[in-house]
Amino acid sequence: MLYKYILRPILFLLPPETAHHVSMFFLRLAGSIPPKMWIWKHFIFNQPQGISKTVCGIEFKNPVGLAAGLDKDAIAYKGLAGLGFGFIEVGTVTPLGQPGNEKPRLFRLKQDQALINRMGFNNNGVEAMREKLKNRPSDIIIGGNIGKNKSTPNELAVNDYLKCFKTLFDLVDYFVINISSPNTPGLRDLQQIEPIRTLFKAMVAENEHYQTPKPLFVKLAPDMSNDQLNAIVDIAVEERIHGIIASNTTISRTGLKTNPEFVESIGQGGLSGKPLSSRSTEVVRLIRQRAGNKLAIIASGGICSGQDALDKLEAGADLVQIYTGFIYEGPGLIKQINKKIAQSA
C-alpha cells in the first residue's frame, strides 16, 4: 500500500530511467544496512511455510525471483533480496562495459501496466560485476544473465559468452544465456538453429570442465513461431542445457490500450508487462509439453498478480520472475504471489 499509493506516484513523476536510478540508489543503500536491522521486512515480507523449492539442485526459499534488467551491475542485490525475493538475476552483463542505446530508451505505458525499453545491454562490464559479487552473502541466490557486446559480430559471440561465464563462475549460482533481447542488433539471429547449437555446445563443454557445473538456462523471445520454439527446445535437450526462461520482451504491439500514436512515437524496443502475460504462459506450456521433465522452466513475462504467477506454474513453470509487475505493484507483489502459491498447495 505504501508503495502503490505514495512511493509509486512520486517515482512516476520522474522520467522512467531517472526513477530507476533513484530506486537503485535507495535499494543499494538498504543493502548496506545489516540484515537484522531490516525493519521493513516485518511489514512487507512474511513468507508462508512450505513454498521452498529445489530446481536444478538449487534450493530456493521461495519461487519468486527478480528478472534480469533491473540490477544490471549487481549493485543492489542485497537490498532487493531483503524485499523477499527467492532469487535475484543480475545483468545482462557483457565482457566490456558499454553505454547502451541513446536516451530516451525507457517508456511507461500506464494504461497497459507495461514498459517499452531499448536499453541495449548498458552495463559496466563483467569485471566490474565480479567485484560487486565478491562479498555476496551465501544465502542470496544469484543468477548471472550474460550477453555479447554490441560491437562483437555474431560469428564471434561465443567468445563473449564464455568470457562472462568464466569470470563469474565462482560467484553466481546459475547462468542465463541471453540471445533474445530485441535491443542489440542481430542478437536474435543467434536463436537460429546452427548458431544456437554452436553456442550451446561451447557453453556446455566449458561448464563440464568444472568439478561442479552450474545450471545453464537460455532466455528465449516470445515472438518466434511455435515450430521454431519446439526446434530450440529439442536442441536444448540434446545439448544438455538445463532450462529455459520464457520469455524475454516482445516486439509486438498488439492489443494495447495506450494511444496508438503515442506507442508509435516511442519507436523500437521490447514490450514487457501485462500485455505479454498470455503469450508467455502459452510459451511455458509449449515448452513443458515438448520437453517433459527434461528441462527446468523459469516463467517471466506479464506477472502482475498472484494469479498470473499461479497460471505460469500450472502451465508447467518451476519458478517465476517479475520485473515490470514489480515496477507497478511494488514489493507487495512478492508477498501476494507467495501467499497465492501457498493457498493453492
Foldseek 3Di string as FASTA:
>chain_A
DCCQPPVLVVLVVDDVVVSLVVVQVVLLVQLVDPLVPLVCCVVQPDFDPDAWDAAPNDIFPHQEEADEDSAAQLRRLSSVVSLPHSAYEYHQAWAAADQFDDPPAWADDPQFLKIFGLRGRHYHHLVSSLVSQVPPDPNHAYEYEYFYHLPDDLVCGLVGRVSNCVSCVVRHQAYEDEQAFPNRPPSVVCLDQVNVLVSLLSVVVVQVVDPDGHQYEYAHALPDDLVSLLSSLVSCLVSVHAAYEQHWFYQDPPPRPGDPVVVVVSPTGGMFAQVFLVSSLVSLLSSCVNCPNSHAYEYEGHLQFLVSQVSSVVSPHPHYHYDSSCSNPNSNRSVRNSVSVVVVD
